[in-house]
Amino acid sequence: MATASLYQQFLRAVWKQLKRNYPFVKRFDKAISSAIPQSSSFSLGKSPLYDKYVILDFQHNSKPWGPGQFTINVRILSDLSQIDSLKHFQDYRQAEDGNYRLGGEYYGYDRWWCLKDRDRTFDEQMKGILKNFDPQHEDQKFFEGKWRPSSFADPETVIREALDDIFPLLEDALFARFGFPIQSLPKSGV
């Protein structure tokens, strides 16, 4: 059996914490849209404040230079059958039907989380080719506006720190914002 990727391990840890702390959150039996994979999407049900469906979706970066990176999308729908006709980025604060990037709504920019370090395979070679090549400068450019753990050395630490970063965001910008019951969150304890 193939070993689960770090991103898959992270999603399992997300689901475990969601089940433990938010029993109203459900997984989908099947993908409800090609844009919303079953493995990385969760239904919060209908918002108590807006009477609209809210879907939480972790979007993995599909770019070759972005493995292990994800962002968080929120889908707001009056009717689940309209999932494929949703417009992008309407008005999150008014709970208008649409697709939203949670980071953009909360932080003001499209935030990505990095579960894996920047590929450093060619750093030494680049130093020999380009006199001004500086790996620290490359790190600064690569990680600008992105979350990263204190260290990429231990996968369990990466997952725990990612959970500890995203769950307060989910609680404030999603659960509380749309009237879902929240509780004081314990640390992830992965």
N, C-alpha and C. Protein backbone atom coordinates (compact mmCIF):
# COMPACT_ATOMS: atom_id res chain seq x y z
N MET A 1 0.84 -1.18 0.00
CA MET A 1 0.00 0.00 0.00
C MET A 1 0.88 1.24 0.00
N ALA A 2 0.50 2.23 -0.80
CA ALA A 2 1.28 3.46 -0.93
C ALA A 2 1.19 4.28 0.35
N THR A 3 2.28 4.94 0.68
CA THR A 3 2.31 5.81 1.84
C THR A 3 1.57 7.10 1.52
N ALA A 4 0.77 7.56 2.45
CA ALA A 4 0.02 8.80 2.26
C ALA A 4 0.98 9.98 2.21
N SER A 5 0.71 10.91 1.30
CA SER A 5 1.52 12.13 1.22
C SER A 5 1.31 12.96 2.48
N LEU A 6 2.18 13.92 2.69
CA LEU A 6 2.05 14.80 3.85
C LEU A 6 0.72 15.55 3.80
N TYR A 7 0.31 15.97 2.60
CA TYR A 7 -0.98 16.66 2.44
C TYR A 7 -2.14 15.73 2.81
N GLN A 8 -2.08 14.48 2.39
CA GLN A 8 -3.14 13.53 2.75
C GLN A 8 -3.16 13.28 4.27
N GLN A 9 -1.99 13.18 4.87
CA GLN A 9 -1.92 13.02 6.32
C GLN A 9 -2.52 14.24 7.02
N PHE A 10 -2.21 15.42 6.48
CA PHE A 10 -2.76 16.65 7.03
C PHE A 10 -4.29 16.64 6.95
N LEU A 11 -4.85 16.26 5.79
CA LEU A 11 -6.31 16.22 5.64
C LEU A 11 -6.95 15.23 6.61
N ARG A 12 -6.30 14.12 6.85
CA ARG A 12 -6.81 13.16 7.84
C ARG A 12 -6.84 13.79 9.24
N ALA A 13 -5.79 14.54 9.55
CA ALA A 13 -5.74 15.21 10.86
C ALA A 13 -6.80 16.31 10.95
N VAL A 14 -7.05 17.01 9.85
CA VAL A 14 -8.11 18.02 9.82
C VAL A 14 -9.45 17.36 10.12
N TRP A 15 -9.73 16.25 9.42
CA TRP A 15 -11.00 15.56 9.61
C TRP A 15 -11.15 15.06 11.04
N LYS A 16 -10.08 14.52 11.60
CA LYS A 16 -10.12 14.03 12.98
C LYS A 16 -10.47 15.16 13.95
N GLN A 17 -9.86 16.32 13.76
CA GLN A 17 -10.13 17.44 14.66
C GLN A 17 -11.52 18.02 14.41
N LEU A 18 -11.95 18.06 13.15
CA LEU A 18 -13.31 18.54 12.86
C LEU A 18 -14.34 17.64 13.52
N LYS A 19 -14.17 16.31 13.39
CA LYS A 19 -15.12 15.37 13.99
C LYS A 19 -15.18 15.53 15.51
N ARG A 20 -14.01 15.72 16.12
CA ARG A 20 -13.93 15.83 17.57
C ARG A 20 -14.56 17.12 18.08
N ASN A 21 -14.28 18.25 17.41
CA ASN A 21 -14.70 19.55 17.92
C ASN A 21 -15.97 20.11 17.31
N TYR A 22 -16.34 19.63 16.13
CA TYR A 22 -17.49 20.19 15.41
C TYR A 22 -18.31 19.05 14.81
N PRO A 23 -19.10 18.37 15.63
CA PRO A 23 -19.83 17.19 15.14
C PRO A 23 -20.83 17.48 14.03
N PHE A 24 -21.18 18.73 13.82
CA PHE A 24 -22.10 19.07 12.73
C PHE A 24 -21.43 19.03 11.36
N VAL A 25 -20.11 19.06 11.32
CA VAL A 25 -19.39 19.01 10.04
C VAL A 25 -19.43 17.58 9.51
N LYS A 26 -19.72 17.45 8.22
CA LYS A 26 -19.84 16.14 7.59
C LYS A 26 -18.94 16.05 6.36
N ARG A 27 -18.57 14.83 6.03
CA ARG A 27 -17.85 14.56 4.78
C ARG A 27 -18.89 14.22 3.73
N PHE A 28 -18.54 14.44 2.49
CA PHE A 28 -19.43 14.09 1.39
C PHE A 28 -19.26 12.62 1.04
N ASP A 29 -20.36 11.96 0.68
CA ASP A 29 -20.30 10.56 0.25
C ASP A 29 -19.61 10.43 -1.09
N LYS A 30 -19.73 11.47 -1.91
CA LYS A 30 -19.09 11.51 -3.23
C LYS A 30 -18.80 12.96 -3.56
N ALA A 31 -17.97 13.17 -4.54
CA ALA A 31 -17.67 14.55 -4.96
C ALA A 31 -18.95 15.18 -5.50
N ILE A 32 -19.23 16.40 -5.06
CA ILE A 32 -20.44 17.07 -5.56
C ILE A 32 -20.14 17.95 -6.77
N SER A 33 -18.87 18.07 -7.10
CA SER A 33 -18.44 18.85 -8.25
C SER A 33 -17.00 18.48 -8.54
N SER A 34 -16.60 18.64 -9.79
CA SER A 34 -15.20 18.34 -10.12
C SER A 34 -14.25 19.33 -9.44
N ALA A 35 -14.76 20.50 -9.11
CA ALA A 35 -13.94 21.51 -8.44
C ALA A 35 -13.86 21.32 -6.93
N ILE A 36 -14.68 20.41 -6.41
CA ILE A 36 -14.71 20.19 -4.96
C ILE A 36 -14.52 18.71 -4.68
N PRO A 37 -13.28 18.27 -4.55
CA PRO A 37 -13.01 16.85 -4.31
C PRO A 37 -13.56 16.37 -2.97
N GLN A 38 -14.01 15.16 -2.97
CA GLN A 38 -14.55 14.54 -1.75
C GLN A 38 -13.49 14.47 -0.65
N SER A 39 -12.26 14.20 -1.02
CA SER A 39 -11.20 13.97 -0.04
C SER A 39 -10.80 15.23 0.74
N SER A 40 -11.06 16.42 0.18
CA SER A 40 -10.59 17.64 0.83
C SER A 40 -11.70 18.63 1.12
N SER A 41 -12.95 18.18 1.08
CA SER A 41 -14.09 19.08 1.27
C SER A 41 -14.97 18.60 2.41
N PHE A 42 -15.55 19.55 3.11
CA PHE A 42 -16.37 19.26 4.27
C PHE A 42 -17.60 20.15 4.26
N SER A 43 -18.74 19.58 4.57
CA SER A 43 -19.99 20.34 4.63
C SER A 43 -20.26 20.78 6.06
N LEU A 44 -20.47 22.07 6.24
CA LEU A 44 -20.86 22.58 7.55
C LEU A 44 -22.37 22.56 7.70
N GLY A 45 -23.08 22.25 6.63
CA GLY A 45 -24.53 22.28 6.65
C GLY A 45 -25.00 23.69 6.37
N LYS A 46 -26.22 24.00 6.82
CA LYS A 46 -26.78 25.33 6.59
C LYS A 46 -26.38 26.29 7.70
N SER A 47 -26.00 27.47 7.31
CA SER A 47 -25.63 28.50 8.27
C SER A 47 -26.84 28.90 9.10
N PRO A 48 -26.72 28.86 10.43
CA PRO A 48 -27.83 29.31 11.29
C PRO A 48 -28.19 30.79 11.08
N LEU A 49 -27.23 31.59 10.63
CA LEU A 49 -27.50 33.02 10.42
C LEU A 49 -28.09 33.34 9.05
N TYR A 50 -27.68 32.58 8.03
CA TYR A 50 -28.04 32.94 6.66
C TYR A 50 -28.88 31.89 5.94
N ASP A 51 -29.08 30.73 6.56
CA ASP A 51 -29.85 29.66 5.95
C ASP A 51 -29.31 29.28 4.57
N LYS A 52 -27.99 29.24 4.47
CA LYS A 52 -27.33 28.84 3.22
C LYS A 52 -26.30 27.76 3.55
N TYR A 53 -26.08 26.90 2.56
CA TYR A 53 -25.08 25.85 2.74
C TYR A 53 -23.69 26.45 2.72
N VAL A 54 -22.83 25.92 3.58
CA VAL A 54 -21.44 26.37 3.64
C VAL A 54 -20.55 25.14 3.49
N ILE A 55 -19.65 25.21 2.53
CA ILE A 55 -18.72 24.11 2.26
C ILE A 55 -17.30 24.62 2.45
N LEU A 56 -16.53 23.86 3.19
CA LEU A 56 -15.12 24.15 3.45
C LEU A 56 -14.31 23.24 2.53
N ASP A 57 -13.39 23.84 1.78
CA ASP A 57 -12.62 23.08 0.80
C ASP A 57 -11.14 23.45 0.89
N PHE A 58 -10.31 22.46 1.14
CA PHE A 58 -8.86 22.66 1.15
C PHE A 58 -8.37 22.39 -0.27
N GLN A 59 -7.81 23.41 -0.91
CA GLN A 59 -7.36 23.28 -2.30
C GLN A 59 -5.85 23.11 -2.34
N HIS A 60 -5.44 21.94 -2.82
CA HIS A 60 -4.02 21.65 -2.97
C HIS A 60 -3.47 22.40 -4.17
N ASN A 61 -2.26 22.90 -4.06
CA ASN A 61 -1.62 23.60 -5.17
C ASN A 61 -1.22 22.58 -6.23
N SER A 62 -1.75 22.75 -7.42
CA SER A 62 -1.49 21.78 -8.49
C SER A 62 -0.27 22.13 -9.33
N LYS A 63 0.38 23.25 -9.03
CA LYS A 63 1.55 23.66 -9.79
C LYS A 63 2.75 22.78 -9.43
N PRO A 64 3.62 22.48 -10.39
CA PRO A 64 4.77 21.63 -10.10
C PRO A 64 5.69 22.19 -9.02
N TRP A 65 5.72 23.50 -8.86
CA TRP A 65 6.56 24.12 -7.84
C TRP A 65 5.82 24.31 -6.51
N GLY A 66 4.57 23.80 -6.43
CA GLY A 66 3.80 24.01 -5.21
C GLY A 66 3.35 22.76 -4.49
N PRO A 67 4.11 21.65 -4.54
CA PRO A 67 3.64 20.47 -3.81
C PRO A 67 3.62 20.73 -2.31
N GLY A 68 2.59 20.19 -1.66
CA GLY A 68 2.48 20.36 -0.22
C GLY A 68 1.91 21.69 0.20
N GLN A 69 1.48 22.51 -0.76
CA GLN A 69 0.88 23.79 -0.42
C GLN A 69 -0.63 23.70 -0.61
N PHE A 70 -1.36 24.44 0.21
CA PHE A 70 -2.80 24.47 0.06
C PHE A 70 -3.33 25.84 0.47
N THR A 71 -4.53 26.13 0.01
CA THR A 71 -5.26 27.30 0.45
C THR A 71 -6.64 26.81 0.87
N ILE A 72 -7.42 27.67 1.49
CA ILE A 72 -8.72 27.27 1.99
C ILE A 72 -9.81 28.05 1.27
N ASN A 73 -10.73 27.32 0.66
CA ASN A 73 -11.87 27.92 -0.02
C ASN A 73 -13.14 27.69 0.79
N VAL A 74 -14.06 28.62 0.65
CA VAL A 74 -15.37 28.50 1.25
C VAL A 74 -16.39 28.68 0.14
N ARG A 75 -17.34 27.77 0.05
CA ARG A 75 -18.43 27.86 -0.94
C ARG A 75 -19.71 28.15 -0.16
N ILE A 76 -20.42 29.16 -0.59
CA ILE A 76 -21.71 29.51 0.01
C ILE A 76 -22.76 29.29 -1.06
N LEU A 77 -23.81 28.51 -0.72
CA LEU A 77 -24.83 28.16 -1.70
C LEU A 77 -26.23 28.20 -1.10
N SER A 78 -27.15 28.74 -1.85
CA SER A 78 -28.56 28.67 -1.45
C SER A 78 -29.09 27.28 -1.72
N ASP A 79 -28.55 26.65 -2.76
CA ASP A 79 -29.02 25.33 -3.20
C ASP A 79 -27.80 24.52 -3.64
N LEU A 80 -27.62 23.34 -3.07
CA LEU A 80 -26.45 22.51 -3.42
C LEU A 80 -26.40 22.14 -4.89
N SER A 81 -27.53 22.10 -5.56
CA SER A 81 -27.52 21.72 -6.97
C SER A 81 -26.90 22.80 -7.85
N GLN A 82 -26.69 23.98 -7.31
CA GLN A 82 -26.13 25.09 -8.09
C GLN A 82 -24.61 25.20 -7.96
N ILE A 83 -23.97 24.19 -7.43
CA ILE A 83 -22.54 24.27 -7.13
C ILE A 83 -21.70 24.61 -8.35
N ASP A 84 -22.03 24.08 -9.52
CA ASP A 84 -21.22 24.34 -10.70
C ASP A 84 -21.47 25.70 -11.33
N SER A 85 -22.54 26.38 -10.93
CA SER A 85 -22.83 27.69 -11.52
C SER A 85 -22.47 28.85 -10.59
N LEU A 86 -21.75 28.55 -9.51
CA LEU A 86 -21.38 29.60 -8.56
C LEU A 86 -20.43 30.60 -9.20
N LYS A 87 -20.65 31.86 -8.89
CA LYS A 87 -19.72 32.90 -9.32
C LYS A 87 -18.61 32.98 -8.28
N HIS A 88 -17.52 33.55 -8.71
CA HIS A 88 -16.40 33.71 -7.79
C HIS A 88 -16.46 35.05 -7.10
N PHE A 89 -16.11 35.05 -5.84
CA PHE A 89 -15.84 36.26 -5.08
C PHE A 89 -16.92 37.32 -5.19
N GLN A 90 -18.09 37.04 -4.69
CA GLN A 90 -19.16 38.03 -4.65
C GLN A 90 -19.01 38.86 -3.38
N ASP A 91 -19.80 38.59 -2.36
CA ASP A 91 -19.69 39.34 -1.10
C ASP A 91 -19.77 38.38 0.07
N TYR A 92 -18.63 37.99 0.56
CA TYR A 92 -18.53 37.04 1.67
C TYR A 92 -19.23 37.56 2.92
N ARG A 93 -19.04 38.84 3.22
CA ARG A 93 -19.60 39.41 4.44
C ARG A 93 -21.13 39.40 4.44
N GLN A 94 -21.73 39.43 3.27
CA GLN A 94 -23.19 39.38 3.16
C GLN A 94 -23.68 37.97 2.85
N ALA A 95 -22.78 37.01 2.85
CA ALA A 95 -23.09 35.59 2.59
C ALA A 95 -23.77 35.39 1.24
N GLU A 96 -23.30 36.13 0.24
CA GLU A 96 -23.83 35.92 -1.11
C GLU A 96 -23.28 34.62 -1.65
N ASP A 97 -24.08 33.93 -2.44
CA ASP A 97 -23.63 32.68 -3.05
C ASP A 97 -22.35 32.95 -3.83
N GLY A 98 -21.36 32.09 -3.65
CA GLY A 98 -20.11 32.26 -4.38
C GLY A 98 -19.00 31.40 -3.82
N ASN A 99 -17.86 31.47 -4.50
CA ASN A 99 -16.63 30.80 -4.08
C ASN A 99 -15.72 31.87 -3.49
N TYR A 100 -15.14 31.58 -2.35
CA TYR A 100 -14.29 32.56 -1.68
C TYR A 100 -13.01 31.91 -1.19
N ARG A 101 -11.94 32.68 -1.19
CA ARG A 101 -10.70 32.27 -0.55
C ARG A 101 -10.73 32.81 0.86
N LEU A 102 -10.69 31.94 1.84
CA LEU A 102 -10.80 32.36 3.23
C LEU A 102 -9.66 33.30 3.62
N GLY A 103 -8.46 33.02 3.15
CA GLY A 103 -7.33 33.91 3.44
C GLY A 103 -7.56 35.31 2.93
N GLY A 104 -8.07 35.41 1.71
CA GLY A 104 -8.35 36.72 1.12
C GLY A 104 -9.39 37.49 1.92
N GLU A 105 -10.40 36.79 2.39
CA GLU A 105 -11.46 37.43 3.16
C GLU A 105 -10.98 37.84 4.55
N TYR A 106 -10.10 37.06 5.14
CA TYR A 106 -9.68 37.30 6.52
C TYR A 106 -8.40 38.14 6.60
N TYR A 107 -7.39 37.75 5.82
CA TYR A 107 -6.10 38.44 5.90
C TYR A 107 -5.97 39.59 4.91
N GLY A 108 -6.82 39.57 3.89
CA GLY A 108 -6.73 40.59 2.85
C GLY A 108 -5.83 40.19 1.70
N TYR A 109 -5.32 38.99 1.71
CA TYR A 109 -4.52 38.47 0.60
C TYR A 109 -4.72 36.96 0.52
N ASP A 110 -4.44 36.40 -0.63
CA ASP A 110 -4.63 34.97 -0.87
C ASP A 110 -3.54 34.18 -0.15
N ARG A 111 -3.86 33.68 1.01
CA ARG A 111 -2.86 33.01 1.84
C ARG A 111 -2.78 31.52 1.49
N TRP A 112 -1.55 31.04 1.44
CA TRP A 112 -1.27 29.62 1.21
C TRP A 112 -0.48 29.10 2.39
N TRP A 113 -0.66 27.82 2.69
CA TRP A 113 0.07 27.15 3.76
C TRP A 113 1.04 26.18 3.10
N CYS A 114 2.27 26.13 3.59
CA CYS A 114 3.31 25.27 3.03
C CYS A 114 3.60 24.13 4.00
N LEU A 115 3.26 22.93 3.59
CA LEU A 115 3.57 21.75 4.41
C LEU A 115 4.95 21.20 4.05
N LYS A 116 5.47 21.63 2.91
CA LYS A 116 6.80 21.19 2.46
C LYS A 116 7.66 22.41 2.21
N ASP A 117 8.94 22.22 2.38
CA ASP A 117 9.91 23.29 2.17
C ASP A 117 10.08 23.57 0.68
N ARG A 118 10.66 24.71 0.40
CA ARG A 118 11.02 25.07 -0.97
C ARG A 118 12.01 24.05 -1.51
N ASP A 119 11.88 23.69 -2.76
CA ASP A 119 12.81 22.75 -3.39
C ASP A 119 14.19 23.41 -3.47
N ARG A 120 15.14 22.81 -2.80
CA ARG A 120 16.50 23.37 -2.75
C ARG A 120 17.50 22.57 -3.58
N THR A 121 16.98 21.71 -4.42
CA THR A 121 17.81 20.80 -5.21
C THR A 121 18.90 21.52 -6.00
N PHE A 122 18.57 22.66 -6.56
CA PHE A 122 19.51 23.33 -7.46
C PHE A 122 20.19 24.55 -6.85
N ASP A 123 20.03 24.77 -5.53
CA ASP A 123 20.61 25.95 -4.91
C ASP A 123 22.12 26.04 -5.12
N GLU A 124 22.83 24.96 -4.85
CA GLU A 124 24.30 24.99 -4.99
C GLU A 124 24.71 25.23 -6.45
N GLN A 125 24.01 24.60 -7.36
CA GLN A 125 24.29 24.79 -8.78
C GLN A 125 24.01 26.24 -9.19
N MET A 126 22.93 26.81 -8.68
CA MET A 126 22.58 28.19 -9.02
C MET A 126 23.62 29.17 -8.47
N LYS A 127 24.19 28.86 -7.30
CA LYS A 127 25.24 29.72 -6.75
C LYS A 127 26.43 29.79 -7.71
N GLY A 128 26.73 28.67 -8.37
CA GLY A 128 27.84 28.64 -9.31
C GLY A 128 27.51 29.34 -10.63
N ILE A 129 26.27 29.37 -11.00
CA ILE A 129 25.86 29.98 -12.26
C ILE A 129 25.59 31.48 -12.11
N LEU A 130 24.87 31.84 -11.07
CA LEU A 130 24.51 33.24 -10.85
C LEU A 130 25.26 33.78 -9.64
N LYS A 131 26.10 34.79 -9.85
CA LYS A 131 26.91 35.35 -8.76
C LYS A 131 26.04 35.89 -7.63
N ASN A 132 24.89 36.44 -7.96
CA ASN A 132 24.04 37.07 -6.94
C ASN A 132 22.99 36.13 -6.38
N PHE A 133 23.05 34.84 -6.69
CA PHE A 133 22.03 33.92 -6.18
C PHE A 133 22.18 33.77 -4.67
N ASP A 134 21.10 34.00 -3.97
CA ASP A 134 21.10 33.93 -2.51
C ASP A 134 19.91 33.07 -2.08
N PRO A 135 20.16 31.88 -1.54
CA PRO A 135 19.06 31.02 -1.10
C PRO A 135 18.13 31.69 -0.09
N GLN A 136 18.66 32.54 0.78
CA GLN A 136 17.79 33.23 1.74
C GLN A 136 16.84 34.19 1.03
N HIS A 137 17.33 34.85 0.00
CA HIS A 137 16.46 35.73 -0.79
C HIS A 137 15.39 34.91 -1.51
N GLU A 138 15.77 33.74 -2.02
CA GLU A 138 14.81 32.85 -2.67
C GLU A 138 13.75 32.39 -1.67
N ASP A 139 14.17 32.09 -0.43
CA ASP A 139 13.22 31.73 0.62
C ASP A 139 12.23 32.87 0.86
N GLN A 140 12.77 34.09 0.97
CA GLN A 140 11.92 35.24 1.23
C GLN A 140 10.88 35.40 0.12
N LYS A 141 11.29 35.29 -1.12
CA LYS A 141 10.35 35.42 -2.24
C LYS A 141 9.34 34.27 -2.24
N PHE A 142 9.82 33.05 -2.02
CA PHE A 142 8.96 31.87 -2.09
C PHE A 142 7.91 31.87 -0.98
N PHE A 143 8.31 32.22 0.24
CA PHE A 143 7.41 32.12 1.39
C PHE A 143 6.64 33.41 1.69
N GLU A 144 6.85 34.46 0.90
CA GLU A 144 6.15 35.72 1.16
C GLU A 144 4.64 35.50 1.15
N GLY A 145 3.98 35.90 2.22
CA GLY A 145 2.53 35.77 2.34
C GLY A 145 2.05 34.35 2.59
N LYS A 146 2.97 33.43 2.81
CA LYS A 146 2.61 32.03 3.04
C LYS A 146 2.94 31.64 4.48
N TRP A 147 2.16 30.70 4.99
CA TRP A 147 2.45 30.14 6.29
C TRP A 147 3.47 29.02 6.11
N ARG A 148 4.36 28.90 7.08
CA ARG A 148 5.27 27.74 7.12
C ARG A 148 5.53 27.38 8.57
N PRO A 149 5.86 26.12 8.82
CA PRO A 149 6.10 25.68 10.19
C PRO A 149 7.45 26.18 10.71
N SER A 150 7.67 25.97 11.99
CA SER A 150 8.95 26.36 12.59
C SER A 150 10.09 25.54 11.99
N SER A 151 9.79 24.32 11.54
CA SER A 151 10.77 23.45 10.89
C SER A 151 10.03 22.45 10.02
N PHE A 152 10.62 22.11 8.90
CA PHE A 152 10.04 21.10 8.02
C PHE A 152 10.59 19.70 8.33
N ALA A 153 11.48 19.59 9.31
CA ALA A 153 12.18 18.33 9.58
C ALA A 153 11.26 17.19 10.03
N ASP A 154 10.25 17.49 10.83
CA ASP A 154 9.40 16.45 11.40
C ASP A 154 7.96 16.62 10.88
N PRO A 155 7.45 15.66 10.10
CA PRO A 155 6.10 15.77 9.55
C PRO A 155 5.00 15.96 10.60
N GLU A 156 5.14 15.31 11.75
CA GLU A 156 4.13 15.47 12.80
C GLU A 156 4.09 16.90 13.32
N THR A 157 5.26 17.52 13.44
CA THR A 157 5.32 18.92 13.89
C THR A 157 4.71 19.82 12.83
N VAL A 158 4.99 19.58 11.57
CA VAL A 158 4.44 20.37 10.47
C VAL A 158 2.91 20.32 10.53
N ILE A 159 2.36 19.12 10.64
CA ILE A 159 0.90 18.96 10.67
C ILE A 159 0.31 19.63 11.91
N ARG A 160 0.90 19.40 13.07
CA ARG A 160 0.39 20.00 14.30
C ARG A 160 0.39 21.51 14.22
N GLU A 161 1.49 22.09 13.77
CA GLU A 161 1.57 23.55 13.69
C GLU A 161 0.60 24.11 12.64
N ALA A 162 0.40 23.38 11.55
CA ALA A 162 -0.58 23.82 10.53
C ALA A 162 -1.98 23.81 11.12
N LEU A 163 -2.32 22.74 11.83
CA LEU A 163 -3.64 22.67 12.47
C LEU A 163 -3.82 23.80 13.48
N ASP A 164 -2.78 24.05 14.27
CA ASP A 164 -2.86 25.10 15.28
C ASP A 164 -2.99 26.48 14.64
N ASP A 165 -2.57 26.62 13.40
CA ASP A 165 -2.71 27.89 12.70
C ASP A 165 -4.08 28.03 12.04
N ILE A 166 -4.58 26.96 11.42
CA ILE A 166 -5.82 27.11 10.66
C ILE A 166 -7.08 27.03 11.51
N PHE A 167 -7.08 26.27 12.60
CA PHE A 167 -8.33 26.12 13.34
C PHE A 167 -8.80 27.42 14.01
N PRO A 168 -7.95 28.25 14.58
CA PRO A 168 -8.45 29.55 15.05
C PRO A 168 -9.02 30.40 13.90
N LEU A 169 -8.41 30.32 12.73
CA LEU A 169 -8.93 31.02 11.55
C LEU A 169 -10.32 30.49 11.20
N LEU A 170 -10.46 29.17 11.15
CA LEU A 170 -11.76 28.58 10.83
C LEU A 170 -12.80 28.98 11.87
N GLU A 171 -12.40 28.96 13.14
CA GLU A 171 -13.34 29.31 14.20
C GLU A 171 -13.83 30.74 14.06
N ASP A 172 -12.92 31.67 13.80
CA ASP A 172 -13.27 33.09 13.75
C ASP A 172 -13.90 33.49 12.42
N ALA A 173 -13.24 33.16 11.32
CA ALA A 173 -13.66 33.65 10.02
C ALA A 173 -14.74 32.80 9.34
N LEU A 174 -15.01 31.62 9.89
CA LEU A 174 -15.98 30.75 9.24
C LEU A 174 -17.08 30.33 10.22
N PHE A 175 -16.73 29.56 11.25
CA PHE A 175 -17.76 29.05 12.16
C PHE A 175 -18.51 30.19 12.86
N ALA A 176 -17.81 31.07 13.55
CA ALA A 176 -18.47 32.17 14.26
C ALA A 176 -19.12 33.13 13.27
N ARG A 177 -18.45 33.40 12.17
CA ARG A 177 -18.96 34.35 11.16
C ARG A 177 -20.32 33.94 10.62
N PHE A 178 -20.57 32.65 10.49
CA PHE A 178 -21.82 32.17 9.91
C PHE A 178 -22.75 31.54 10.95
N GLY A 179 -22.41 31.70 12.22
CA GLY A 179 -23.31 31.29 13.29
C GLY A 179 -23.27 29.84 13.68
N PHE A 180 -22.22 29.13 13.30
CA PHE A 180 -22.09 27.73 13.69
C PHE A 180 -21.57 27.66 15.12
N PRO A 181 -21.97 26.63 15.87
CA PRO A 181 -21.49 26.54 17.25
C PRO A 181 -19.98 26.33 17.31
N ILE A 182 -19.34 27.06 18.20
CA ILE A 182 -17.89 26.93 18.37
C ILE A 182 -17.60 26.63 19.83
N GLN A 183 -16.41 26.15 20.04
CA GLN A 183 -15.96 25.88 21.40
C GLN A 183 -14.51 26.29 21.49
N SER A 184 -14.03 26.45 22.68
CA SER A 184 -12.62 26.77 22.87
C SER A 184 -11.82 25.58 22.39
N LEU A 185 -10.89 25.84 21.49
CA LEU A 185 -10.17 24.75 20.86
C LEU A 185 -8.95 24.31 21.66
N PRO A 186 -8.84 23.00 21.89
CA PRO A 186 -7.59 22.49 22.46
C PRO A 186 -6.54 22.44 21.35
N LYS A 187 -5.30 22.37 21.70
CA LYS A 187 -4.26 22.18 20.70
C LYS A 187 -4.51 20.87 19.97
N SER A 188 -4.00 20.77 18.75
CA SER A 188 -4.33 19.64 17.88
C SER A 188 -3.95 18.29 18.46
N GLY A 189 -2.82 18.19 19.09
CA GLY A 189 -2.41 16.92 19.70
C GLY A 189 -2.25 15.79 18.72
N VAL A 190 -1.75 16.10 17.53
CA VAL A 190 -1.56 15.07 16.51
C VAL A 190 -0.52 14.08 16.96
